[in-house]
Amino acid sequence: MKTRVQQWGNSLALRILKSFAIEAGLHEDSPVDLFLSRIKGGEDL
């Protein structure tokens, strides 16, 4: 699934589809690990 970072109040957020969250067993306040592998047109981070 692809998503975009969006403004949410004074913060930034990643929104995911409900069907994706259900399949992944996610719910509100679920801890997740994020990593950046490559930025389009940029260098590895």
Protein backbone atom coordinates (compact mmCIF):
# COMPACT_ATOMS: atom_id res chain seq x y z
CA MET A 1 0.00 0.00 0.00
CA LYS A 2 1.22 3.51 -0.73
CA THR A 3 0.19 6.51 1.33
CA ARG A 4 1.27 10.12 1.84
CA VAL A 5 2.24 12.14 4.87
CA GLN A 6 -0.58 14.58 5.63
CA GLN A 7 -1.14 17.43 8.07
CA TRP A 8 -3.24 16.41 11.06
CA GLY A 9 -3.71 19.33 13.44
CA ASN A 10 -0.21 20.50 14.38
CA SER A 11 1.32 17.13 13.49
CA LEU A 12 2.05 15.01 10.45
CA ALA A 13 0.38 11.63 10.03
CA LEU A 14 0.32 8.57 7.80
CA ARG A 15 -3.23 7.46 7.11
CA ILE A 16 -3.91 3.86 6.13
CA LEU A 17 -6.98 2.11 4.81
CA LYS A 18 -9.25 0.47 7.37
CA SER A 19 -9.06 -2.82 5.45
CA PHE A 20 -5.24 -2.69 5.65
CA ALA A 21 -5.37 -1.99 9.41
CA ILE A 22 -7.73 -4.91 9.99
CA GLU A 23 -5.61 -7.29 7.94
CA ALA A 24 -2.47 -6.17 9.81
CA GLY A 25 -4.19 -6.42 13.21
CA LEU A 26 -3.73 -2.71 13.91
CA HIS A 27 -5.93 -0.57 16.10
CA GLU A 28 -5.76 2.90 17.67
CA ASP A 29 -2.52 3.34 19.65
CA SER A 30 -0.89 0.23 18.13
CA PRO A 31 2.91 0.62 18.21
CA VAL A 32 4.56 0.46 14.78
CA ASP A 33 8.14 0.66 13.49
CA LEU A 34 8.87 2.91 10.52
CA PHE A 35 12.00 3.21 8.42
CA LEU A 36 13.01 5.14 5.34
CA SER A 37 14.65 3.13 2.60
CA ARG A 38 14.77 5.65 -0.26
CA ILE A 39 13.31 9.02 -1.14
CA LYS A 40 12.27 9.43 -4.77
CA GLY A 41 15.03 11.34 -6.51
CA GLY A 42 17.09 11.47 -3.33
CA GLU A 43 19.79 9.55 -1.55
CA ASP A 44 19.49 6.65 0.87
CA LEU A 45 18.82 7.68 4.44
